Amino acid sequence: MAGLQKSVGEEQRRKMDESSFEGTLVLEKLAEINKVDDFFEAIDSDDFAKAKSLMRRANVDPETIVLVLKKMNEADRV
């Protein structure tokens, strides 16, 4: 049982690390085009289309865009 708990904890930690890393990359790319504030405004107002558009303009990869939009949607449910 302890081995199962350890592997579940490691998996959660890995997902958190990946999520944090992807978030950092998104913010770095948005900073390059001076759109970090606009992005946070889009998130705060649940403007998925604007958030997606800004990430595309910042050349964020499609997989990461999908992940960010999914996390935005999940945050609305909480």
PDB file of N, CA and C in Angstrom:
ATOM      1  N   MET A   1       0.812  -1.191   0.000  1.00  0.00           N
ATOM      2  CA  MET A   1       0.000   0.000   0.000  1.00  0.00           C
ATOM      3  C   MET A   1       0.863   1.265   0.000  1.00  0.00           C
ATOM      4  N   ALA A   2       1.947   1.244   0.745  1.00  0.00           N
ATOM      5  CA  ALA A   2       2.827   2.410   0.803  1.00  0.00           C
ATOM      6  C   ALA A   2       3.412   2.729  -0.568  1.00  0.00           C
ATOM      7  N   GLY A   3       3.714   1.682  -1.347  1.00  0.00           N
ATOM      8  CA  GLY A   3       4.257   1.894  -2.691  1.00  0.00           C
ATOM      9  C   GLY A   3       3.265   2.590  -3.594  1.00  0.00           C
ATOM     10  N   LEU A   4       1.982   2.232  -3.457  1.00  0.00           N
ATOM     11  CA  LEU A   4       0.936   2.868  -4.256  1.00  0.00           C
ATOM     12  C   LEU A   4       0.798   4.335  -3.880  1.00  0.00           C
ATOM     13  N   GLN A   5       0.796   4.631  -2.581  1.00  0.00           N
ATOM     14  CA  GLN A   5       0.695   6.011  -2.137  1.00  0.00           C
ATOM     15  C   GLN A   5       1.872   6.832  -2.632  1.00  0.00           C
ATOM     16  N   LYS A   6       3.046   6.239  -2.602  1.00  0.00           N
ATOM     17  CA  LYS A   6       4.239   6.950  -3.064  1.00  0.00           C
ATOM     18  C   LYS A   6       4.127   7.273  -4.547  1.00  0.00           C
ATOM     19  N   SER A   7       3.679   6.300  -5.361  1.00  0.00           N
ATOM     20  CA  SER A   7       3.599   6.541  -6.796  1.00  0.00           C
ATOM     21  C   SER A   7       2.520   7.565  -7.130  1.00  0.00           C
ATOM     22  N   VAL A   8       1.415   7.575  -6.371  1.00  0.00           N
ATOM     23  CA  VAL A   8       0.373   8.569  -6.603  1.00  0.00           C
ATOM     24  C   VAL A   8       0.909   9.956  -6.262  1.00  0.00           C
ATOM     25  N   GLY A   9       1.630  10.084  -5.158  1.00  0.00           N
ATOM     26  CA  GLY A   9       2.219  11.359  -4.773  1.00  0.00           C
ATOM     27  C   GLY A   9       3.214  11.855  -5.801  1.00  0.00           C
ATOM     28  N   GLU A  10       4.015  10.949  -6.313  1.00  0.00           N
ATOM     29  CA  GLU A  10       4.995  11.326  -7.336  1.00  0.00           C
ATOM     30  C   GLU A  10       4.300  11.800  -8.598  1.00  0.00           C
ATOM     31  N   GLU A  11       3.203  11.132  -8.967  1.00  0.00           N
ATOM     32  CA  GLU A  11       2.453  11.515 -10.172  1.00  0.00           C
ATOM     33  C   GLU A  11       1.855  12.911  -9.996  1.00  0.00           C
ATOM     34  N   GLN A  12       1.287  13.193  -8.835  1.00  0.00           N
ATOM     35  CA  GLN A  12       0.717  14.515  -8.580  1.00  0.00           C
ATOM     36  C   GLN A  12       1.798  15.589  -8.621  1.00  0.00           C
ATOM     37  N   ARG A  13       2.939  15.305  -8.039  1.00  0.00           N
ATOM     38  CA  ARG A  13       4.043  16.257  -8.041  1.00  0.00           C
ATOM     39  C   ARG A  13       4.527  16.514  -9.457  1.00  0.00           C
ATOM     40  N   ARG A  14       4.617  15.465 -10.268  1.00  0.00           N
ATOM     41  CA  ARG A  14       5.056  15.610 -11.654  1.00  0.00           C
ATOM     42  C   ARG A  14       4.075  16.482 -12.439  1.00  0.00           C
ATOM     43  N   LYS A  15       2.772  16.247 -12.237  1.00  0.00           N
ATOM     44  CA  LYS A  15       1.773  17.046 -12.940  1.00  0.00           C
ATOM     45  C   LYS A  15       1.861  18.507 -12.524  1.00  0.00           C
ATOM     46  N   MET A  16       2.064  18.757 -11.233  1.00  0.00           N
ATOM     47  CA  MET A  16       2.189  20.132 -10.761  1.00  0.00           C
ATOM     48  C   MET A  16       3.418  20.790 -11.361  1.00  0.00           C
ATOM     49  N   ASP A  17       4.523  20.063 -11.422  1.00  0.00           N
ATOM     50  CA  ASP A  17       5.740  20.620 -11.998  1.00  0.00           C
ATOM     51  C   ASP A  17       5.535  20.957 -13.472  1.00  0.00           C
ATOM     52  N   GLU A  18       4.890  20.043 -14.219  1.00  0.00           N
ATOM     53  CA  GLU A  18       4.634  20.285 -15.636  1.00  0.00           C
ATOM     54  C   GLU A  18       3.723  21.496 -15.808  1.00  0.00           C
ATOM     55  N   SER A  19       2.688  21.579 -14.986  1.00  0.00           N
ATOM     56  CA  SER A  19       1.743  22.682 -15.082  1.00  0.00           C
ATOM     57  C   SER A  19       2.428  24.013 -14.785  1.00  0.00           C
ATOM     58  N   SER A  20       3.244  24.041 -13.758  1.00  0.00           N
ATOM     59  CA  SER A  20       3.963  25.265 -13.402  1.00  0.00           C
ATOM     60  C   SER A  20       4.915  25.665 -14.513  1.00  0.00           C
ATOM     61  N   PHE A  21       5.604  24.680 -15.072  1.00  0.00           N
ATOM     62  CA  PHE A  21       6.556  24.942 -16.146  1.00  0.00           C
ATOM     63  C   PHE A  21       5.830  25.505 -17.362  1.00  0.00           C
ATOM     64  N   GLU A  22       4.703  24.884 -17.736  1.00  0.00           N
ATOM     65  CA  GLU A  22       3.951  25.356 -18.897  1.00  0.00           C
ATOM     66  C   GLU A  22       3.425  26.761 -18.648  1.00  0.00           C
ATOM     67  N   GLY A  23       2.955  27.016 -17.421  1.00  0.00           N
ATOM     68  CA  GLY A  23       2.464  28.349 -17.084  1.00  0.00           C
ATOM     69  C   GLY A  23       3.545  29.394 -17.208  1.00  0.00           C
ATOM     70  N   THR A  24       4.747  29.040 -16.777  1.00  0.00           N
ATOM     71  CA  THR A  24       5.877  29.958 -16.879  1.00  0.00           C
ATOM     72  C   THR A  24       6.200  30.260 -18.339  1.00  0.00           C
ATOM     73  N   LEU A  25       6.196  29.238 -19.173  1.00  0.00           N
ATOM     74  CA  LEU A  25       6.479  29.444 -20.595  1.00  0.00           C
ATOM     75  C   LEU A  25       5.428  30.333 -21.252  1.00  0.00           C
ATOM     76  N   VAL A  26       4.171  30.117 -20.896  1.00  0.00           N
ATOM     77  CA  VAL A  26       3.099  30.938 -21.452  1.00  0.00           C
ATOM     78  C   VAL A  26       3.319  32.401 -21.068  1.00  0.00           C
ATOM     79  N   LEU A  27       3.600  32.638 -19.793  1.00  0.00           N
ATOM     80  CA  LEU A  27       3.804  34.019 -19.339  1.00  0.00           C
ATOM     81  C   LEU A  27       5.034  34.653 -19.981  1.00  0.00           C
ATOM     82  N   GLU A  28       6.092  33.870 -20.168  1.00  0.00           N
ATOM     83  CA  GLU A  28       7.286  34.408 -20.831  1.00  0.00           C
ATOM     84  C   GLU A  28       6.971  34.826 -22.256  1.00  0.00           C
ATOM     85  N   LYS A  29       6.221  33.984 -22.958  1.00  0.00           N
ATOM     86  CA  LYS A  29       5.879  34.308 -24.349  1.00  0.00           C
ATOM     87  C   LYS A  29       4.960  35.513 -24.426  1.00  0.00           C
ATOM     88  N   LEU A  30       4.019  35.600 -23.489  1.00  0.00           N
ATOM     89  CA  LEU A  30       3.132  36.762 -23.460  1.00  0.00           C
ATOM     90  C   LEU A  30       3.901  38.030 -23.117  1.00  0.00           C
ATOM     91  N   ALA A  31       4.884  37.916 -22.243  1.00  0.00           N
ATOM     92  CA  ALA A  31       5.708  39.071 -21.877  1.00  0.00           C
ATOM     93  C   ALA A  31       6.484  39.592 -23.087  1.00  0.00           C
ATOM     94  N   GLU A  32       6.898  38.690 -23.953  1.00  0.00           N
ATOM     95  CA  GLU A  32       7.636  39.093 -25.152  1.00  0.00           C
ATOM     96  C   GLU A  32       6.818  40.016 -26.045  1.00  0.00           C
ATOM     97  N   ILE A  33       5.492  39.868 -26.005  1.00  0.00           N
ATOM     98  CA  ILE A  33       4.629  40.727 -26.826  1.00  0.00           C
ATOM     99  C   ILE A  33       3.864  41.733 -25.954  1.00  0.00           C
ATOM    100  N   ASN A  34       4.306  41.897 -24.692  1.00  0.00           N
ATOM    101  CA  ASN A  34       3.705  42.857 -23.754  1.00  0.00           C
ATOM    102  C   ASN A  34       2.205  42.654 -23.568  1.00  0.00           C
ATOM    103  N   LYS A  35       1.784  41.390 -23.397  1.00  0.00           N
ATOM    104  CA  LYS A  35       0.354  41.099 -23.272  1.00  0.00           C
ATOM    105  C   LYS A  35       0.011  40.314 -22.004  1.00  0.00           C
ATOM    106  N   VAL A  36       0.888  40.331 -21.005  1.00  0.00           N
ATOM    107  CA  VAL A  36       0.612  39.591 -19.767  1.00  0.00           C
ATOM    108  C   VAL A  36      -0.624  40.154 -19.076  1.00  0.00           C
ATOM    109  N   ASP A  37      -0.696  41.476 -18.939  1.00  0.00           N
ATOM    110  CA  ASP A  37      -1.851  42.092 -18.272  1.00  0.00           C
ATOM    111  C   ASP A  37      -3.149  41.792 -19.023  1.00  0.00           C
ATOM    112  N   ASP A  38      -3.099  41.882 -20.340  1.00  0.00           N
ATOM    113  CA  ASP A  38      -4.288  41.572 -21.140  1.00  0.00           C
ATOM    114  C   ASP A  38      -4.713  40.120 -20.951  1.00  0.00           C
ATOM    115  N   PHE A  39      -3.742  39.239 -20.844  1.00  0.00           N
ATOM    116  CA  PHE A  39      -4.032  37.824 -20.647  1.00  0.00           C
ATOM    117  C   PHE A  39      -4.720  37.603 -19.298  1.00  0.00           C
ATOM    118  N   PHE A  40      -4.192  38.220 -18.242  1.00  0.00           N
ATOM    119  CA  PHE A  40      -4.808  38.064 -16.927  1.00  0.00           C
ATOM    120  C   PHE A  40      -6.206  38.680 -16.896  1.00  0.00           C
ATOM    121  N   GLU A  41      -6.407  39.776 -17.613  1.00  0.00           N
ATOM    122  CA  GLU A  41      -7.749  40.362 -17.715  1.00  0.00           C
ATOM    123  C   GLU A  41      -8.700  39.386 -18.402  1.00  0.00           C
ATOM    124  N   ALA A  42      -8.221  38.726 -19.452  1.00  0.00           N
ATOM    125  CA  ALA A  42      -9.048  37.739 -20.158  1.00  0.00           C
ATOM    126  C   ALA A  42      -9.405  36.580 -19.227  1.00  0.00           C
ATOM    127  N   ILE A  43      -8.438  36.132 -18.450  1.00  0.00           N
ATOM    128  CA  ILE A  43      -8.702  35.040 -17.504  1.00  0.00           C
ATOM    129  C   ILE A  43      -9.724  35.491 -16.462  1.00  0.00           C
ATOM    130  N   ASP A  44      -9.513  36.676 -15.894  1.00  0.00           N
ATOM    131  CA  ASP A  44     -10.411  37.174 -14.845  1.00  0.00           C
ATOM    132  C   ASP A  44     -11.846  37.352 -15.339  1.00  0.00           C
ATOM    133  N   SER A  45     -11.991  37.702 -16.602  1.00  0.00           N
ATOM    134  CA  SER A  45     -13.333  37.916 -17.152  1.00  0.00           C
ATOM    135  C   SER A  45     -13.872  36.683 -17.881  1.00  0.00           C
ATOM    136  N   ASP A  46     -13.162  35.567 -17.758  1.00  0.00           N
ATOM    137  CA  ASP A  46     -13.563  34.311 -18.420  1.00  0.00           C
ATOM    138  C   ASP A  46     -13.723  34.481 -19.927  1.00  0.00           C
ATOM    139  N   ASP A  47     -12.872  35.292 -20.522  1.00  0.00           N
ATOM    140  CA  ASP A  47     -12.900  35.519 -21.964  1.00  0.00           C
ATOM    141  C   ASP A  47     -11.962  34.515 -22.630  1.00  0.00           C
ATOM    142  N   PHE A  48     -12.505  33.328 -22.883  1.00  0.00           N
ATOM    143  CA  PHE A  48     -11.711  32.236 -23.443  1.00  0.00           C
ATOM    144  C   PHE A  48     -11.176  32.588 -24.825  1.00  0.00           C
ATOM    145  N   ALA A  49     -11.993  33.245 -25.628  1.00  0.00           N
ATOM    146  CA  ALA A  49     -11.574  33.600 -26.993  1.00  0.00           C
ATOM    147  C   ALA A  49     -10.388  34.557 -26.965  1.00  0.00           C
ATOM    148  N   LYS A  50     -10.440  35.549 -26.076  1.00  0.00           N
ATOM    149  CA  LYS A  50      -9.331  36.503 -25.987  1.00  0.00           C
ATOM    150  C   LYS A  50      -8.066  35.829 -25.473  1.00  0.00           C
ATOM    151  N   ALA A  51      -8.214  34.979 -24.445  1.00  0.00           N
ATOM    152  CA  ALA A  51      -7.051  34.269 -23.903  1.00  0.00           C
ATOM    153  C   ALA A  51      -6.407  33.410 -24.993  1.00  0.00           C
ATOM    154  N   LYS A  52      -7.240  32.715 -25.750  1.00  0.00           N
ATOM    155  CA  LYS A  52      -6.734  31.868 -26.836  1.00  0.00           C
ATOM    156  C   LYS A  52      -6.037  32.709 -27.903  1.00  0.00           C
ATOM    157  N   SER A  53      -6.653  33.815 -28.268  1.00  0.00           N
ATOM    158  CA  SER A  53      -6.072  34.700 -29.278  1.00  0.00           C
ATOM    159  C   SER A  53      -4.719  35.245 -28.835  1.00  0.00           C
ATOM    160  N   LEU A  54      -4.636  35.673 -27.584  1.00  0.00           N
ATOM    161  CA  LEU A  54      -3.370  36.202 -27.076  1.00  0.00           C
ATOM    162  C   LEU A  54      -2.282  35.133 -27.069  1.00  0.00           C
ATOM    163  N   MET A  55      -2.640  33.933 -26.667  1.00  0.00           N
ATOM    164  CA  MET A  55      -1.641  32.859 -26.660  1.00  0.00           C
ATOM    165  C   MET A  55      -1.179  32.524 -28.073  1.00  0.00           C
ATOM    166  N   ARG A  56      -2.101  32.552 -29.028  1.00  0.00           N
ATOM    167  CA  ARG A  56      -1.703  32.317 -30.425  1.00  0.00           C
ATOM    168  C   ARG A  56      -0.750  33.401 -30.913  1.00  0.00           C
ATOM    169  N   ARG A  57      -1.084  34.658 -30.589  1.00  0.00           N
ATOM    170  CA  ARG A  57      -0.219  35.778 -30.992  1.00  0.00           C
ATOM    171  C   ARG A  57       1.172  35.654 -30.381  1.00  0.00           C
ATOM    172  N   ALA A  58       1.232  35.047 -29.197  1.00  0.00           N
ATOM    173  CA  ALA A  58       2.516  34.873 -28.506  1.00  0.00           C
ATOM    174  C   ALA A  58       3.222  33.592 -28.949  1.00  0.00           C
ATOM    175  N   ASN A  59       2.664  32.905 -29.925  1.00  0.00           N
ATOM    176  CA  ASN A  59       3.242  31.657 -30.454  1.00  0.00           C
ATOM    177  C   ASN A  59       3.349  30.544 -29.410  1.00  0.00           C
ATOM    178  N   VAL A  60       2.313  30.448 -28.564  1.00  0.00           N
ATOM    179  CA  VAL A  60       2.224  29.328 -27.624  1.00  0.00           C
ATOM    180  C   VAL A  60       1.761  28.124 -28.424  1.00  0.00           C
ATOM    181  N   ASP A  61       2.341  26.959 -28.154  1.00  0.00           N
ATOM    182  CA  ASP A  61       1.988  25.765 -28.933  1.00  0.00           C
ATOM    183  C   ASP A  61       0.542  25.357 -28.654  1.00  0.00           C
ATOM    184  N   PRO A  62      -0.111  24.752 -29.655  1.00  0.00           N
ATOM    185  CA  PRO A  62      -1.537  24.401 -29.531  1.00  0.00           C
ATOM    186  C   PRO A  62      -1.868  23.502 -28.332  1.00  0.00           C
ATOM    187  N   GLU A  63      -0.997  22.568 -28.015  1.00  0.00           N
ATOM    188  CA  GLU A  63      -1.255  21.669 -26.890  1.00  0.00           C
ATOM    189  C   GLU A  63      -1.318  22.440 -25.576  1.00  0.00           C
ATOM    190  N   THR A  64      -0.435  23.401 -25.414  1.00  0.00           N
ATOM    191  CA  THR A  64      -0.416  24.207 -24.202  1.00  0.00           C
ATOM    192  C   THR A  64      -1.641  25.114 -24.146  1.00  0.00           C
ATOM    193  N   ILE A  65      -2.048  25.648 -25.282  1.00  0.00           N
ATOM    194  CA  ILE A  65      -3.252  26.480 -25.329  1.00  0.00           C
ATOM    195  C   ILE A  65      -4.455  25.671 -24.844  1.00  0.00           C
ATOM    196  N   VAL A  66      -4.585  24.453 -25.335  1.00  0.00           N
ATOM    197  CA  VAL A  66      -5.691  23.592 -24.919  1.00  0.00           C
ATOM    198  C   VAL A  66      -5.635  23.354 -23.412  1.00  0.00           C
ATOM    199  N   LEU A  67      -4.451  23.096 -22.888  1.00  0.00           N
ATOM    200  CA  LEU A  67      -4.284  22.853 -21.458  1.00  0.00           C
ATOM    201  C   LEU A  67      -4.686  24.083 -20.642  1.00  0.00           C
ATOM    202  N   VAL A  68      -4.255  25.253 -21.057  1.00  0.00           N
ATOM    203  CA  VAL A  68      -4.588  26.481 -20.329  1.00  0.00           C
ATOM    204  C   VAL A  68      -6.099  26.723 -20.353  1.00  0.00           C
ATOM    205  N   LEU A  69      -6.725  26.556 -21.509  1.00  0.00           N
ATOM    206  CA  LEU A  69      -8.170  26.757 -21.605  1.00  0.00           C
ATOM    207  C   LEU A  69      -8.921  25.740 -20.751  1.00  0.00           C
ATOM    208  N   LYS A  70      -8.417  24.519 -20.713  1.00  0.00           N
ATOM    209  CA  LYS A  70      -9.034  23.481 -19.875  1.00  0.00           C
ATOM    210  C   LYS A  70      -8.939  23.886 -18.402  1.00  0.00           C
ATOM    211  N   LYS A  71      -7.794  24.389 -17.993  1.00  0.00           N
ATOM    212  CA  LYS A  71      -7.618  24.812 -16.595  1.00  0.00           C
ATOM    213  C   LYS A  71      -8.509  26.017 -16.278  1.00  0.00           C
ATOM    214  N   MET A  72      -8.680  26.916 -17.228  1.00  0.00           N
ATOM    215  CA  MET A  72      -9.596  28.051 -17.029  1.00  0.00           C
ATOM    216  C   MET A  72     -11.018  27.533 -16.802  1.00  0.00           C
ATOM    217  N   ASN A  73     -11.411  26.570 -17.603  1.00  0.00           N
ATOM    218  CA  ASN A  73     -12.757  26.009 -17.498  1.00  0.00           C
ATOM    219  C   ASN A  73     -12.940  25.282 -16.159  1.00  0.00           C
ATOM    220  N   GLU A  74     -11.923  24.534 -15.735  1.00  0.00           N
ATOM    221  CA  GLU A  74     -11.990  23.827 -14.471  1.00  0.00           C
ATOM    222  C   GLU A  74     -12.066  24.806 -13.294  1.00  0.00           C
ATOM    223  N   ALA A  75     -11.377  25.925 -13.396  1.00  0.00           N
ATOM    224  CA  ALA A  75     -11.398  26.924 -12.330  1.00  0.00           C
ATOM    225  C   ALA A  75     -12.780  27.532 -12.172  1.00  0.00           C
ATOM    226  N   ASP A  76     -13.539  27.605 -13.264  1.00  0.00           N
ATOM    227  CA  ASP A  76     -14.898  28.143 -13.202  1.00  0.00           C
ATOM    228  C   ASP A  76     -15.828  27.232 -12.432  1.00  0.00           C
ATOM    229  N   ARG A  77     -15.538  25.955 -12.394  1.00  0.00           N
ATOM    230  CA  ARG A  77     -16.406  24.980 -11.733  1.00  0.00           C
ATOM    231  C   ARG A  77     -16.209  24.962 -10.229  1.00  0.00           C
ATOM    232  N   VAL A  78     -15.087  25.496  -9.768  1.00  0.00           N
ATOM    233  CA  VAL A  78     -14.783  25.429  -8.338  1.00  0.00           C
ATOM    234  C   VAL A  78     -15.453  26.550  -7.588  1.00  0.00           C
TER     235      VAL A  78
END
